[in-house]
Amino acid sequence: DGEEEVLTAEEKQEKDSIIKELTRRLSGPLADEHGNVPTGKDRPIAIEVDGPTHFYANSKRYTAYTKLKHRLLTRMGYKVLHVPFFEWRRLRGAKEREDYMRAKLQEEPTEWLDPED
C-alpha cells in the first residue's frame, strides 16, 4: 500500500536476525553470512558419475532431474564435473582414466548442463 514500515529498535533487530538466518539457510552450505557463494578458483569440485539413469533411454541427453541437480549444485557454489558412463567405459587402463580425469579437472563448466536449456 506504499506505507513505510515503522519498527521499534527491537523489532528491527529481530527482522534483521530473521533475514540473516533465512539467507544463511537458503544459500546453501558454501555461502558466507551474506549469501555469497564461492566463485572461480575458490569453488570446491563435485564430480558427478553419470550412469545410464542420468540419460533418457537410448540417448546421450541428460534427464531433467540430472540437469536440475547440476544447476542447483552450481548455484550453491560447486564446480560440477560430469563423467558419463559411456565415456568412462571407452577408456582402457589406469593411464587413460587418469589422463581423462586430469583433463576433466581443467574444464570450466557452466551453470547449464545442456547449452540448449
N, C-alpha and C. Protein backbone atom coordinates (compact mmCIF):
# COMPACT_ATOMS: atom_id res chain seq x y z
N ASP A 1 0.80 -1.21 0.00
CA ASP A 1 0.00 0.00 0.00
C ASP A 1 0.84 1.26 0.00
N GLY A 2 2.17 1.12 -0.09
CA GLY A 2 3.04 2.27 -0.23
C GLY A 2 3.48 2.90 1.08
N GLU A 3 2.93 2.43 2.22
CA GLU A 3 3.33 3.00 3.50
C GLU A 3 4.67 2.44 3.94
N GLU A 4 5.47 3.30 4.53
CA GLU A 4 6.77 2.85 5.01
C GLU A 4 6.61 2.10 6.32
N GLU A 5 7.36 1.03 6.46
CA GLU A 5 7.29 0.21 7.66
C GLU A 5 7.94 0.94 8.82
N VAL A 6 7.24 0.99 9.95
CA VAL A 6 7.77 1.64 11.14
C VAL A 6 7.99 0.56 12.19
N LEU A 7 9.24 0.39 12.57
CA LEU A 7 9.60 -0.64 13.54
C LEU A 7 10.34 -0.04 14.72
N THR A 8 10.14 -0.66 15.87
CA THR A 8 10.93 -0.28 17.03
C THR A 8 12.34 -0.85 16.82
N ALA A 9 13.26 -0.42 17.64
CA ALA A 9 14.64 -0.92 17.53
C ALA A 9 14.67 -2.43 17.74
N GLU A 10 13.87 -2.92 18.68
CA GLU A 10 13.81 -4.35 18.97
C GLU A 10 13.22 -5.12 17.78
N GLU A 11 12.18 -4.59 17.17
CA GLU A 11 11.55 -5.23 16.00
C GLU A 11 12.51 -5.25 14.81
N LYS A 12 13.23 -4.14 14.62
CA LYS A 12 14.20 -4.08 13.52
C LYS A 12 15.31 -5.10 13.72
N GLN A 13 15.79 -5.22 14.96
CA GLN A 13 16.83 -6.20 15.26
C GLN A 13 16.33 -7.62 15.01
N GLU A 14 15.09 -7.90 15.41
CA GLU A 14 14.50 -9.23 15.19
C GLU A 14 14.34 -9.50 13.69
N LYS A 15 13.87 -8.51 12.94
CA LYS A 15 13.70 -8.66 11.49
C LYS A 15 15.05 -8.93 10.83
N ASP A 16 16.08 -8.15 11.19
CA ASP A 16 17.41 -8.35 10.62
C ASP A 16 17.95 -9.74 10.93
N SER A 17 17.70 -10.20 12.15
CA SER A 17 18.15 -11.53 12.55
C SER A 17 17.46 -12.62 11.74
N ILE A 18 16.16 -12.47 11.53
CA ILE A 18 15.39 -13.45 10.74
C ILE A 18 15.87 -13.46 9.29
N ILE A 19 16.09 -12.29 8.70
CA ILE A 19 16.57 -12.20 7.32
C ILE A 19 17.95 -12.84 7.20
N LYS A 20 18.83 -12.59 8.17
CA LYS A 20 20.18 -13.17 8.14
C LYS A 20 20.10 -14.69 8.22
N GLU A 21 19.26 -15.22 9.10
CA GLU A 21 19.13 -16.66 9.25
C GLU A 21 18.53 -17.30 7.99
N LEU A 22 17.51 -16.68 7.41
CA LEU A 22 16.91 -17.20 6.18
C LEU A 22 17.90 -17.18 5.03
N THR A 23 18.67 -16.13 4.92
CA THR A 23 19.69 -16.04 3.88
C THR A 23 20.70 -17.17 4.03
N ARG A 24 21.13 -17.41 5.27
CA ARG A 24 22.09 -18.48 5.53
C ARG A 24 21.51 -19.84 5.16
N ARG A 25 20.26 -20.10 5.55
CA ARG A 25 19.64 -21.41 5.29
C ARG A 25 19.37 -21.64 3.81
N LEU A 26 18.95 -20.61 3.12
CA LEU A 26 18.56 -20.77 1.72
C LEU A 26 19.73 -20.71 0.75
N SER A 27 20.87 -20.23 1.18
CA SER A 27 22.01 -20.05 0.28
C SER A 27 22.87 -21.30 0.15
N GLY A 28 22.73 -22.24 1.03
CA GLY A 28 23.50 -23.47 0.94
C GLY A 28 24.71 -23.46 1.85
N PRO A 29 25.34 -24.61 1.98
CA PRO A 29 26.43 -24.76 2.95
C PRO A 29 27.71 -24.01 2.61
N LEU A 30 27.88 -23.59 1.38
CA LEU A 30 29.13 -22.92 1.00
C LEU A 30 29.05 -21.40 1.09
N ALA A 31 27.86 -20.88 1.32
CA ALA A 31 27.66 -19.43 1.31
C ALA A 31 28.22 -18.77 2.57
N ASP A 32 28.64 -17.52 2.41
CA ASP A 32 29.06 -16.75 3.58
C ASP A 32 27.82 -16.16 4.25
N GLU A 33 28.02 -15.33 5.27
CA GLU A 33 26.88 -14.79 6.03
C GLU A 33 26.00 -13.85 5.21
N HIS A 34 26.48 -13.42 4.05
CA HIS A 34 25.70 -12.54 3.18
C HIS A 34 25.02 -13.30 2.04
N GLY A 35 25.19 -14.61 2.00
CA GLY A 35 24.56 -15.42 0.95
C GLY A 35 25.41 -15.56 -0.30
N ASN A 36 26.64 -15.05 -0.27
CA ASN A 36 27.52 -15.16 -1.44
C ASN A 36 28.19 -16.53 -1.46
N VAL A 37 28.21 -17.15 -2.64
CA VAL A 37 28.85 -18.45 -2.78
C VAL A 37 30.19 -18.29 -3.47
N PRO A 38 31.11 -19.25 -3.28
CA PRO A 38 32.44 -19.15 -3.91
C PRO A 38 32.34 -19.10 -5.42
N THR A 39 33.28 -18.40 -6.03
CA THR A 39 33.35 -18.34 -7.49
C THR A 39 34.78 -18.59 -7.93
N GLY A 40 34.95 -18.83 -9.21
CA GLY A 40 36.29 -19.00 -9.76
C GLY A 40 37.05 -20.16 -9.14
N LYS A 41 38.29 -19.94 -8.85
CA LYS A 41 39.18 -20.99 -8.34
C LYS A 41 38.84 -21.41 -6.91
N ASP A 42 38.05 -20.62 -6.20
CA ASP A 42 37.71 -20.93 -4.81
C ASP A 42 36.62 -22.00 -4.68
N ARG A 43 35.98 -22.36 -5.79
CA ARG A 43 34.88 -23.31 -5.72
C ARG A 43 35.36 -24.72 -5.46
N PRO A 44 34.68 -25.43 -4.56
CA PRO A 44 35.00 -26.85 -4.40
C PRO A 44 34.47 -27.62 -5.61
N ILE A 45 35.05 -28.77 -5.87
CA ILE A 45 34.68 -29.56 -7.05
C ILE A 45 33.75 -30.70 -6.64
N ALA A 46 32.68 -30.86 -7.39
CA ALA A 46 31.78 -32.01 -7.24
C ALA A 46 31.89 -32.81 -8.52
N ILE A 47 32.20 -34.08 -8.40
CA ILE A 47 32.30 -34.95 -9.58
C ILE A 47 31.06 -35.83 -9.61
N GLU A 48 30.29 -35.68 -10.65
CA GLU A 48 29.06 -36.45 -10.84
C GLU A 48 29.35 -37.59 -11.79
N VAL A 49 29.22 -38.82 -11.28
CA VAL A 49 29.42 -40.00 -12.11
C VAL A 49 28.05 -40.35 -12.69
N ASP A 50 27.90 -40.10 -13.99
CA ASP A 50 26.60 -40.22 -14.65
C ASP A 50 26.40 -41.60 -15.25
N GLY A 51 25.64 -42.41 -14.54
CA GLY A 51 25.27 -43.73 -15.03
C GLY A 51 24.13 -43.63 -16.03
N PRO A 52 23.65 -44.77 -16.52
CA PRO A 52 22.59 -44.78 -17.54
C PRO A 52 21.31 -44.05 -17.12
N THR A 53 20.99 -44.04 -15.82
CA THR A 53 19.75 -43.39 -15.39
C THR A 53 19.82 -41.86 -15.44
N HIS A 54 21.00 -41.32 -15.71
CA HIS A 54 21.14 -39.86 -15.85
C HIS A 54 20.79 -39.39 -17.26
N PHE A 55 20.49 -40.33 -18.13
CA PHE A 55 20.20 -40.02 -19.53
C PHE A 55 18.85 -40.60 -19.92
N TYR A 56 18.21 -39.95 -20.89
CA TYR A 56 16.97 -40.51 -21.43
C TYR A 56 17.30 -41.80 -22.18
N ALA A 57 16.34 -42.70 -22.25
CA ALA A 57 16.54 -44.02 -22.87
C ALA A 57 17.11 -43.90 -24.28
N ASN A 58 18.10 -44.70 -24.53
CA ASN A 58 18.74 -44.79 -25.86
C ASN A 58 19.24 -43.44 -26.38
N SER A 59 19.74 -42.62 -25.48
CA SER A 59 20.25 -41.32 -25.92
C SER A 59 21.41 -40.90 -25.03
N LYS A 60 22.03 -39.81 -25.42
CA LYS A 60 23.08 -39.20 -24.60
C LYS A 60 22.60 -37.85 -24.07
N ARG A 61 21.28 -37.69 -24.00
CA ARG A 61 20.67 -36.45 -23.49
C ARG A 61 20.39 -36.61 -21.99
N TYR A 62 20.89 -35.66 -21.21
CA TYR A 62 20.68 -35.69 -19.76
C TYR A 62 19.20 -35.55 -19.42
N THR A 63 18.78 -36.22 -18.35
CA THR A 63 17.39 -36.10 -17.89
C THR A 63 17.20 -34.75 -17.22
N ALA A 64 15.96 -34.35 -17.08
CA ALA A 64 15.64 -33.09 -16.42
C ALA A 64 16.13 -33.11 -14.98
N TYR A 65 16.01 -34.25 -14.31
CA TYR A 65 16.48 -34.37 -12.93
C TYR A 65 17.99 -34.11 -12.83
N THR A 66 18.76 -34.69 -13.74
CA THR A 66 20.21 -34.51 -13.73
C THR A 66 20.57 -33.05 -14.02
N LYS A 67 19.86 -32.44 -14.95
CA LYS A 67 20.11 -31.02 -15.26
C LYS A 67 19.80 -30.14 -14.05
N LEU A 68 18.70 -30.45 -13.36
CA LEU A 68 18.33 -29.66 -12.18
C LEU A 68 19.39 -29.81 -11.09
N LYS A 69 19.82 -31.03 -10.86
CA LYS A 69 20.84 -31.28 -9.84
C LYS A 69 22.11 -30.51 -10.16
N HIS A 70 22.52 -30.54 -11.42
CA HIS A 70 23.71 -29.80 -11.86
C HIS A 70 23.54 -28.30 -11.57
N ARG A 71 22.40 -27.78 -11.93
CA ARG A 71 22.17 -26.34 -11.75
C ARG A 71 22.15 -25.96 -10.27
N LEU A 72 21.49 -26.78 -9.45
CA LEU A 72 21.43 -26.48 -8.02
C LEU A 72 22.82 -26.53 -7.39
N LEU A 73 23.60 -27.55 -7.72
CA LEU A 73 24.95 -27.63 -7.17
C LEU A 73 25.80 -26.45 -7.62
N THR A 74 25.65 -26.06 -8.88
CA THR A 74 26.40 -24.91 -9.41
C THR A 74 25.99 -23.64 -8.68
N ARG A 75 24.70 -23.44 -8.49
CA ARG A 75 24.22 -22.24 -7.80
C ARG A 75 24.65 -22.21 -6.35
N MET A 76 24.89 -23.40 -5.77
CA MET A 76 25.38 -23.47 -4.38
C MET A 76 26.87 -23.17 -4.29
N GLY A 77 27.56 -23.08 -5.43
CA GLY A 77 28.96 -22.71 -5.43
C GLY A 77 29.92 -23.80 -5.85
N TYR A 78 29.41 -24.97 -6.23
CA TYR A 78 30.29 -26.06 -6.65
C TYR A 78 30.67 -25.95 -8.12
N LYS A 79 31.86 -26.41 -8.44
CA LYS A 79 32.27 -26.62 -9.83
C LYS A 79 31.89 -28.07 -10.11
N VAL A 80 30.86 -28.29 -10.93
CA VAL A 80 30.33 -29.63 -11.15
C VAL A 80 30.89 -30.21 -12.44
N LEU A 81 31.58 -31.32 -12.29
CA LEU A 81 32.16 -32.02 -13.44
C LEU A 81 31.42 -33.34 -13.63
N HIS A 82 31.17 -33.69 -14.87
CA HIS A 82 30.41 -34.91 -15.17
C HIS A 82 31.29 -35.95 -15.86
N VAL A 83 31.10 -37.19 -15.44
CA VAL A 83 31.79 -38.32 -16.05
C VAL A 83 30.71 -39.28 -16.55
N PRO A 84 30.31 -39.14 -17.83
CA PRO A 84 29.29 -40.03 -18.37
C PRO A 84 29.81 -41.46 -18.50
N PHE A 85 28.95 -42.41 -18.18
CA PHE A 85 29.35 -43.83 -18.20
C PHE A 85 29.87 -44.27 -19.56
N PHE A 86 29.30 -43.74 -20.64
CA PHE A 86 29.72 -44.20 -21.98
C PHE A 86 31.11 -43.68 -22.34
N GLU A 87 31.52 -42.55 -21.75
CA GLU A 87 32.89 -42.08 -21.97
C GLU A 87 33.86 -42.90 -21.13
N TRP A 88 33.49 -43.17 -19.88
CA TRP A 88 34.36 -43.91 -18.97
C TRP A 88 34.60 -45.33 -19.48
N ARG A 89 33.56 -45.96 -20.02
CA ARG A 89 33.69 -47.34 -20.49
C ARG A 89 34.65 -47.47 -21.67
N ARG A 90 34.81 -46.41 -22.43
CA ARG A 90 35.71 -46.44 -23.59
C ARG A 90 37.18 -46.41 -23.18
N LEU A 91 37.46 -45.96 -21.97
CA LEU A 91 38.84 -45.82 -21.51
C LEU A 91 39.42 -47.17 -21.14
N ARG A 92 40.66 -47.39 -21.55
CA ARG A 92 41.32 -48.67 -21.30
C ARG A 92 42.52 -48.46 -20.39
N GLY A 93 42.41 -48.97 -19.21
CA GLY A 93 43.54 -48.93 -18.29
C GLY A 93 43.59 -47.68 -17.42
N ALA A 94 44.41 -47.80 -16.38
CA ALA A 94 44.54 -46.74 -15.39
C ALA A 94 45.10 -45.44 -15.99
N LYS A 95 46.05 -45.57 -16.91
CA LYS A 95 46.67 -44.37 -17.50
C LYS A 95 45.65 -43.54 -18.28
N GLU A 96 44.83 -44.17 -19.10
CA GLU A 96 43.81 -43.44 -19.85
C GLU A 96 42.81 -42.80 -18.90
N ARG A 97 42.42 -43.50 -17.85
CA ARG A 97 41.45 -42.95 -16.90
C ARG A 97 42.05 -41.77 -16.13
N GLU A 98 43.31 -41.89 -15.76
CA GLU A 98 43.97 -40.79 -15.06
C GLU A 98 44.07 -39.57 -15.97
N ASP A 99 44.46 -39.75 -17.23
CA ASP A 99 44.54 -38.64 -18.18
C ASP A 99 43.16 -38.00 -18.38
N TYR A 100 42.14 -38.84 -18.48
CA TYR A 100 40.77 -38.35 -18.66
C TYR A 100 40.37 -37.46 -17.47
N MET A 101 40.64 -37.94 -16.26
CA MET A 101 40.25 -37.17 -15.07
C MET A 101 41.07 -35.90 -14.94
N ARG A 102 42.34 -35.93 -15.31
CA ARG A 102 43.16 -34.71 -15.28
C ARG A 102 42.58 -33.66 -16.23
N ALA A 103 42.16 -34.11 -17.41
CA ALA A 103 41.54 -33.19 -18.37
C ALA A 103 40.21 -32.66 -17.83
N LYS A 104 39.42 -33.53 -17.20
CA LYS A 104 38.13 -33.12 -16.63
C LYS A 104 38.32 -32.01 -15.60
N LEU A 105 39.35 -32.17 -14.77
CA LEU A 105 39.58 -31.19 -13.71
C LEU A 105 39.96 -29.81 -14.25
N GLN A 106 40.39 -29.75 -15.50
CA GLN A 106 40.73 -28.47 -16.13
C GLN A 106 39.52 -27.78 -16.75
N GLU A 107 38.40 -28.51 -16.88
CA GLU A 107 37.20 -27.96 -17.51
C GLU A 107 36.62 -26.83 -16.66
N GLU A 108 35.96 -25.91 -17.32
CA GLU A 108 35.22 -24.84 -16.65
C GLU A 108 33.76 -24.96 -17.05
N PRO A 109 33.00 -25.75 -16.32
CA PRO A 109 31.60 -25.95 -16.69
C PRO A 109 30.76 -24.70 -16.44
N THR A 110 29.62 -24.64 -17.12
CA THR A 110 28.70 -23.52 -16.93
C THR A 110 27.58 -23.94 -15.99
N GLU A 111 26.73 -22.99 -15.64
CA GLU A 111 25.60 -23.28 -14.78
C GLU A 111 24.63 -24.25 -15.45
N TRP A 112 24.56 -24.17 -16.77
CA TRP A 112 23.63 -25.01 -17.52
C TRP A 112 24.34 -26.23 -18.08
N LEU A 113 23.83 -27.40 -17.79
CA LEU A 113 24.45 -28.63 -18.26
C LEU A 113 24.29 -28.81 -19.75
N ASP A 114 23.14 -28.40 -20.27
CA ASP A 114 22.84 -28.54 -21.69
C ASP A 114 22.77 -27.14 -22.30
N PRO A 115 23.59 -26.83 -23.29
CA PRO A 115 23.59 -25.48 -23.88
C PRO A 115 22.24 -25.05 -24.45
N GLU A 116 21.36 -26.01 -24.74
CA GLU A 116 20.07 -25.68 -25.31
C GLU A 116 19.04 -25.27 -24.26
N ASP A 117 19.38 -25.39 -22.98
CA ASP A 117 18.44 -25.03 -21.90
C ASP A 117 18.38 -23.54 -21.68
